[in-house]
Amino acid sequence: MTYTVIWKTFQLDRLAEIYVSAGPIDRDRMAAGIEGFNAQLAADPLAVGESRDRGYRVAFPSLLCVYFNVDQVRRLARVARSTATARSHATPVAHAPGSPRLAA
């Protein structure tokens, strides 16, 4: 028996903001990460991520941090918050004149 995964509209909007602000490679990683995350939540949400206070859990699908809670009686997994984590691309760094630069 599966769980119903619920993303409220404002959480989907936040996820879309994160997605749009990412580069193409990161977008592909995020899309795959969220697809797998949703599948895992539907199958066995208590096996996903780590437990936190007040009944919440946290998971880290590709480039994201997602807080959620699980209602075992109603078989619901509700996303409470999502944020971006570190990006995979290089961050520009100030270089001394004449020093070699790394490709980003």
C-alpha atoms as a PDB file:
ATOM      1  CA  MET A   1       0.000   0.000   0.000  1.00  0.00           C
ATOM      2  CA  THR A   2       1.442   3.352  -1.002  1.00  0.00           C
ATOM      3  CA  TYR A   3       1.414   6.779   0.588  1.00  0.00           C
ATOM      4  CA  THR A   4       0.029   9.918  -1.024  1.00  0.00           C
ATOM      5  CA  VAL A   5       2.721  12.576  -1.424  1.00  0.00           C
ATOM      6  CA  ILE A   6       1.494  16.154  -0.946  1.00  0.00           C
ATOM      7  CA  TRP A   7       3.353  19.257  -2.104  1.00  0.00           C
ATOM      8  CA  LYS A   8       1.341  22.390  -1.333  1.00  0.00           C
ATOM      9  CA  THR A   9       1.204  24.987  -4.089  1.00  0.00           C
ATOM     10  CA  PHE A  10       3.565  27.402  -2.335  1.00  0.00           C
ATOM     11  CA  GLN A  11       6.106  24.585  -1.908  1.00  0.00           C
ATOM     12  CA  LEU A  12       5.888  23.731  -5.596  1.00  0.00           C
ATOM     13  CA  ASP A  13       6.349  27.437  -6.381  1.00  0.00           C
ATOM     14  CA  ARG A  14       9.453  27.519  -4.165  1.00  0.00           C
ATOM     15  CA  LEU A  15      10.806  24.390  -5.841  1.00  0.00           C
ATOM     16  CA  ALA A  16      10.212  26.012  -9.252  1.00  0.00           C
ATOM     17  CA  GLU A  17      12.159  29.126  -8.150  1.00  0.00           C
ATOM     18  CA  ILE A  18      15.104  26.979  -7.091  1.00  0.00           C
ATOM     19  CA  TYR A  19      14.942  25.001 -10.327  1.00  0.00           C
ATOM     20  CA  VAL A  20      14.792  28.061 -12.590  1.00  0.00           C
ATOM     21  CA  SER A  21      17.742  29.704 -10.812  1.00  0.00           C
ATOM     22  CA  ALA A  22      19.949  26.636 -11.404  1.00  0.00           C
ATOM     23  CA  GLY A  23      22.057  25.852 -14.449  1.00  0.00           C
ATOM     24  CA  PRO A  24      21.073  23.133 -16.953  1.00  0.00           C
ATOM     25  CA  ILE A  25      23.196  20.372 -15.383  1.00  0.00           C
ATOM     26  CA  ASP A  26      21.894  21.165 -11.904  1.00  0.00           C
ATOM     27  CA  ARG A  27      18.326  21.234 -13.229  1.00  0.00           C
ATOM     28  CA  ASP A  28      18.723  17.718 -14.593  1.00  0.00           C
ATOM     29  CA  ARG A  29      20.124  16.538 -11.255  1.00  0.00           C
ATOM     30  CA  MET A  30      17.288  18.213  -9.325  1.00  0.00           C
ATOM     31  CA  ALA A  31      14.600  16.767 -11.579  1.00  0.00           C
ATOM     32  CA  ALA A  32      15.998  13.250 -11.186  1.00  0.00           C
ATOM     33  CA  GLY A  33      16.435  13.759  -7.442  1.00  0.00           C
ATOM     34  CA  ILE A  34      12.853  14.941  -6.908  1.00  0.00           C
ATOM     35  CA  GLU A  35      11.456  12.155  -9.079  1.00  0.00           C
ATOM     36  CA  GLY A  36      13.298   9.567  -6.983  1.00  0.00           C
ATOM     37  CA  PHE A  37      12.406  11.349  -3.735  1.00  0.00           C
ATOM     38  CA  ASN A  38       8.683  11.362  -4.565  1.00  0.00           C
ATOM     39  CA  ALA A  39       8.825   7.661  -5.477  1.00  0.00           C
ATOM     40  CA  GLN A  40      10.569   6.835  -2.197  1.00  0.00           C
ATOM     41  CA  LEU A  41       8.044   8.876  -0.190  1.00  0.00           C
ATOM     42  CA  ALA A  42       5.168   7.082  -1.877  1.00  0.00           C
ATOM     43  CA  ALA A  43       6.696   3.665  -1.153  1.00  0.00           C
ATOM     44  CA  ASP A  44       8.068   4.032   2.396  1.00  0.00           C
ATOM     45  CA  PRO A  45       8.419   7.594   3.716  1.00  0.00           C
ATOM     46  CA  LEU A  46       9.729   6.559   7.139  1.00  0.00           C
ATOM     47  CA  ALA A  47      12.750   5.009   5.416  1.00  0.00           C
ATOM     48  CA  VAL A  48      13.571   8.323   3.696  1.00  0.00           C
ATOM     49  CA  GLY A  49      15.955  10.832   5.237  1.00  0.00           C
ATOM     50  CA  GLU A  50      16.517  11.444   8.925  1.00  0.00           C
ATOM     51  CA  SER A  51      14.126  12.125  11.785  1.00  0.00           C
ATOM     52  CA  ARG A  52      13.915  15.597  13.328  1.00  0.00           C
ATOM     53  CA  ASP A  53      11.977  17.245  16.161  1.00  0.00           C
ATOM     54  CA  ARG A  54       8.201  17.527  16.196  1.00  0.00           C
ATOM     55  CA  GLY A  55       7.611  14.599  13.841  1.00  0.00           C
ATOM     56  CA  TYR A  56       9.468  16.056  10.884  1.00  0.00           C
ATOM     57  CA  ARG A  57      12.005  14.307   8.693  1.00  0.00           C
ATOM     58  CA  VAL A  58      14.661  15.796   6.415  1.00  0.00           C
ATOM     59  CA  ALA A  59      16.047  14.397   3.179  1.00  0.00           C
ATOM     60  CA  PHE A  60      18.605  15.632   0.686  1.00  0.00           C
ATOM     61  CA  PRO A  61      17.614  14.761  -2.871  1.00  0.00           C
ATOM     62  CA  SER A  62      20.111  16.155  -5.398  1.00  0.00           C
ATOM     63  CA  LEU A  63      20.998  19.769  -4.535  1.00  0.00           C
ATOM     64  CA  LEU A  64      17.956  20.165  -2.274  1.00  0.00           C
ATOM     65  CA  CYS A  65      17.021  19.947   1.375  1.00  0.00           C
ATOM     66  CA  VAL A  66      13.413  18.876   1.944  1.00  0.00           C
ATOM     67  CA  TYR A  67      11.561  18.741   5.267  1.00  0.00           C
ATOM     68  CA  PHE A  68       8.448  16.592   5.427  1.00  0.00           C
ATOM     69  CA  ASN A  69       6.185  14.776   7.863  1.00  0.00           C
ATOM     70  CA  VAL A  70       4.412  11.463   7.679  1.00  0.00           C
ATOM     71  CA  ASP A  71       0.859  10.626   8.756  1.00  0.00           C
ATOM     72  CA  GLN A  72       0.846   6.838   9.043  1.00  0.00           C
ATOM     73  CA  VAL A  73      -2.872   6.616   9.809  1.00  0.00           C
ATOM     74  CA  ARG A  74      -3.921   8.547   6.679  1.00  0.00           C
ATOM     75  CA  ARG A  75      -0.907   7.289   4.699  1.00  0.00           C
ATOM     76  CA  LEU A  76       0.212  10.801   3.747  1.00  0.00           C
ATOM     77  CA  ALA A  77       3.687  12.276   3.271  1.00  0.00           C
ATOM     78  CA  ARG A  78       3.497  16.087   3.339  1.00  0.00           C
ATOM     79  CA  VAL A  79       6.340  18.329   2.223  1.00  0.00           C
ATOM     80  CA  ALA A  80       6.738  21.209   4.657  1.00  0.00           C
ATOM     81  CA  ARG A  81       9.743  23.069   3.237  1.00  0.00           C
ATOM     82  CA  SER A  82      12.359  22.854   0.508  1.00  0.00           C
ATOM     83  CA  THR A  83      15.578  24.801   0.106  1.00  0.00           C
ATOM     84  CA  ALA A  84      18.601  24.692  -2.179  1.00  0.00           C
ATOM     85  CA  THR A  85      21.888  23.240  -0.983  1.00  0.00           C
ATOM     86  CA  ALA A  86      25.355  23.859  -2.465  1.00  0.00           C
ATOM     87  CA  ARG A  87      25.557  23.986  -6.231  1.00  0.00           C
ATOM     88  CA  SER A  88      27.833  21.678  -8.184  1.00  0.00           C
ATOM     89  CA  HIS A  89      29.384  24.397 -10.356  1.00  0.00           C
ATOM     90  CA  ALA A  90      32.470  26.327  -9.282  1.00  0.00           C
ATOM     91  CA  THR A  91      32.021  29.642  -7.500  1.00  0.00           C
ATOM     92  CA  PRO A  92      34.072  32.497  -8.960  1.00  0.00           C
ATOM     93  CA  VAL A  93      37.057  33.344  -6.778  1.00  0.00           C
ATOM     94  CA  ALA A  94      39.271  36.425  -6.824  1.00  0.00           C
ATOM     95  CA  HIS A  95      42.699  35.624  -8.300  1.00  0.00           C
ATOM     96  CA  ALA A  96      46.028  37.358  -7.898  1.00  0.00           C
ATOM     97  CA  PRO A  97      47.365  38.927 -11.128  1.00  0.00           C
ATOM     98  CA  GLY A  98      49.195  36.320 -13.182  1.00  0.00           C
ATOM     99  CA  SER A  99      47.861  33.340 -11.222  1.00  0.00           C
ATOM    100  CA  PRO A 100      46.320  30.458 -13.171  1.00  0.00           C
ATOM    101  CA  ARG A 101      42.536  30.285 -13.291  1.00  0.00           C
ATOM    102  CA  LEU A 102      40.530  27.108 -12.993  1.00  0.00           C
ATOM    103  CA  ALA A 103      37.804  26.432 -15.504  1.00  0.00           C
ATOM    104  CA  ALA A 104      34.353  26.698 -13.970  1.00  0.00           C
END
